[in-house]
Amino acid sequence: MGRKLVSVQPTITSVWLSEQPFDSGVEPIMLKTTEFERKFNFKFDESIFVSEKFKHNFGHEERFKEEWELIESYLKNPIHDKLVICFIDDQVGYGLFARKDIEMSEVIGIYSGEVVKRKDQRDMNRYGMGIDQKYGIDSSDVGGITRFI
């Protein structure tokens, strides 16, 4: 019998975007996530899949309680309206910036993507984040706004 996975995800329907650098004074535009997907050629998905057992244990173990509360807070109230993705330059591409003040306790986002095996850090592409020596998260084809950090 396989483990049952639970999807937890924020409800995000649009993203702020500017084709100019952050400090250019140009107002960003709001793109629906479907338009955003077409522009950047990837699937916008900030879902997290966890086992029911993990979710229960993570949410109830005292040592993880604070982290889980932050994750749940983000999932219920994502702060995407405070963020903007701006063009930086031809070498870097785009980056994530704050449009409004972000409180210390607010979660910017959860780095999402496909969990992949890797031999070493060189195997990760420019939208990759290492988990450990064996695995990483690849946001090339699917992920959220945190791929622009």
Protein backbone atom coordinates (compact mmCIF):
# COMPACT_ATOMS: atom_id res chain seq x y z
CA MET A 1 0.00 0.00 0.00
CA GLY A 2 1.49 3.34 -1.08
CA ARG A 3 1.61 6.46 1.03
CA LYS A 4 -1.24 8.88 0.54
CA LEU A 5 0.03 12.35 -0.36
CA VAL A 6 -1.77 15.53 0.56
CA SER A 7 -1.41 18.62 -1.63
CA VAL A 8 -1.22 21.90 0.22
CA GLN A 9 -1.01 25.01 -1.90
CA PRO A 10 -1.63 28.73 -1.82
CA THR A 11 -4.29 30.14 -4.14
CA ILE A 12 -2.34 32.46 -6.40
CA THR A 13 -3.92 33.70 -9.60
CA SER A 14 -1.60 36.54 -10.63
CA VAL A 15 1.99 37.79 -10.36
CA TRP A 16 3.51 41.30 -10.59
CA LEU A 17 6.07 41.66 -13.40
CA SER A 18 8.27 44.44 -14.76
CA GLU A 19 10.39 44.28 -17.89
CA GLN A 20 12.58 47.03 -16.39
CA PRO A 21 15.01 46.95 -13.43
CA PHE A 22 13.41 47.36 -10.01
CA ASP A 23 14.65 50.93 -9.45
CA SER A 24 13.68 52.19 -12.93
CA GLY A 25 10.48 53.84 -11.71
CA VAL A 26 8.39 51.89 -14.24
CA GLU A 27 5.17 50.50 -12.74
CA PRO A 28 4.94 46.70 -12.94
CA ILE A 29 1.99 44.96 -14.57
CA MET A 30 -0.13 42.19 -13.09
CA LEU A 31 -0.06 38.97 -15.11
CA LYS A 32 -2.44 36.06 -14.64
CA THR A 33 -0.47 32.94 -13.79
CA THR A 34 -1.40 31.42 -17.17
CA GLU A 35 0.19 34.42 -18.96
CA PHE A 36 3.18 34.16 -16.64
CA GLU A 37 3.57 30.48 -17.53
CA ARG A 38 3.60 31.28 -21.25
CA LYS A 39 6.14 34.09 -20.84
CA PHE A 40 8.61 31.99 -18.84
CA ASN A 41 7.78 28.61 -20.41
CA PHE A 42 7.15 26.72 -17.18
CA LYS A 43 4.18 25.51 -15.13
CA PHE A 44 3.35 27.79 -12.19
CA ASP A 45 2.69 25.47 -9.28
CA GLU A 46 3.55 26.11 -5.65
CA SER A 47 1.97 22.91 -4.38
CA ILE A 48 3.67 20.94 -1.68
CA PHE A 49 3.02 17.20 -1.56
CA VAL A 50 3.55 15.60 1.82
CA SER A 51 2.37 12.36 3.37
CA GLU A 52 -0.51 12.63 5.82
CA LYS A 53 1.78 11.09 8.45
CA PHE A 54 4.49 13.69 7.80
CA LYS A 55 1.98 16.55 7.87
CA HIS A 56 0.52 15.26 11.13
CA ASN A 57 3.94 14.68 12.73
CA PHE A 58 5.47 17.90 11.42
CA GLY A 59 2.51 19.92 12.63
CA HIS A 60 2.44 18.33 16.06
CA GLU A 61 6.07 17.74 16.98
CA GLU A 62 7.15 20.55 19.25
CA ARG A 63 10.48 21.06 17.46
CA PHE A 64 8.73 21.70 14.11
CA LYS A 65 5.63 23.47 15.38
CA GLU A 66 6.84 27.02 14.66
CA GLU A 67 8.04 26.14 11.14
CA TRP A 68 4.75 24.41 10.29
CA GLU A 69 2.77 27.41 11.58
CA LEU A 70 4.79 29.69 9.26
CA ILE A 71 4.14 27.38 6.31
CA GLU A 72 0.42 27.21 7.06
CA SER A 73 0.29 30.99 7.46
CA TYR A 74 1.91 31.44 4.03
CA LEU A 75 -0.41 28.93 2.41
CA LYS A 76 -3.47 30.72 3.81
CA ASN A 77 -2.17 34.26 3.12
CA PRO A 78 0.52 34.29 0.43
CA ILE A 79 2.29 37.63 0.13
CA HIS A 80 2.62 37.68 -3.67
CA ASP A 81 1.03 41.13 -3.82
CA LYS A 82 4.13 42.43 -1.97
CA LEU A 83 6.54 40.94 -4.51
CA VAL A 84 7.49 41.74 -8.09
CA ILE A 85 9.63 39.91 -10.63
CA CYS A 86 11.82 42.41 -12.50
CA PHE A 87 14.21 42.19 -15.40
CA ILE A 88 17.77 42.77 -14.14
CA ASP A 89 19.99 42.48 -17.22
CA ASP A 90 20.74 40.13 -20.12
CA GLN A 91 23.26 38.11 -18.11
CA VAL A 92 21.16 37.56 -14.97
CA GLY A 93 17.66 37.69 -16.44
CA TYR A 94 14.89 38.23 -13.89
CA GLY A 95 14.91 38.49 -10.10
CA LEU A 96 12.44 38.70 -7.23
CA PHE A 97 12.06 42.00 -5.35
CA ALA A 98 9.84 43.37 -2.56
CA ARG A 99 7.28 45.98 -3.69
CA LYS A 100 6.15 46.56 -0.10
CA ASP A 101 7.62 45.99 3.34
CA ILE A 102 7.72 42.35 4.40
CA GLU A 103 7.37 41.52 8.08
CA MET A 104 10.04 39.36 9.72
CA SER A 105 7.58 36.54 10.33
CA GLU A 106 6.17 36.48 6.78
CA VAL A 107 7.21 33.64 4.50
CA ILE A 108 8.21 34.88 1.03
CA GLY A 109 7.50 31.54 -0.55
CA ILE A 110 8.36 27.88 -0.61
CA TYR A 111 10.92 26.74 -3.14
CA SER A 112 8.91 24.32 -5.23
CA GLY A 113 9.73 22.16 -8.20
CA GLU A 114 10.62 18.60 -9.05
CA VAL A 115 12.80 16.65 -6.61
CA VAL A 116 15.64 15.16 -8.66
CA LYS A 117 18.72 13.05 -7.94
CA ARG A 118 22.04 14.72 -8.64
CA LYS A 119 25.67 13.72 -8.63
CA ASP A 120 26.94 17.07 -7.40
CA GLN A 121 26.05 20.77 -7.45
CA ARG A 122 27.18 21.13 -11.09
CA ASP A 123 24.26 18.93 -12.14
CA MET A 124 21.78 21.59 -11.05
CA ASN A 125 20.62 24.13 -13.62
CA ARG A 126 20.10 27.82 -12.94
CA TYR A 127 16.69 27.08 -11.37
CA GLY A 128 18.00 24.40 -9.05
CA MET A 129 18.42 24.33 -5.31
CA GLY A 130 20.28 21.63 -3.44
CA ILE A 131 18.57 19.70 -0.67
CA ASP A 132 21.58 17.55 0.16
CA GLN A 133 24.41 15.75 -1.65
CA LYS A 134 21.99 13.32 -3.30
CA TYR A 135 18.88 15.39 -4.11
CA GLY A 136 17.91 18.83 -5.33
CA ILE A 137 14.80 20.75 -6.39
CA ASP A 138 14.62 21.66 -10.08
CA SER A 139 12.25 24.54 -10.95
CA SER A 140 13.02 24.58 -14.68
CA ASP A 141 9.72 23.11 -15.78
CA VAL A 142 7.48 23.60 -12.76
CA GLY A 143 7.72 25.86 -9.73
CA GLY A 144 6.80 29.18 -8.21
CA ILE A 145 8.12 32.69 -7.85
CA THR A 146 10.93 31.58 -5.55
CA ARG A 147 12.78 30.29 -8.61
CA PHE A 148 13.65 33.96 -9.23
CA ILE A 149 15.48 34.44 -5.90
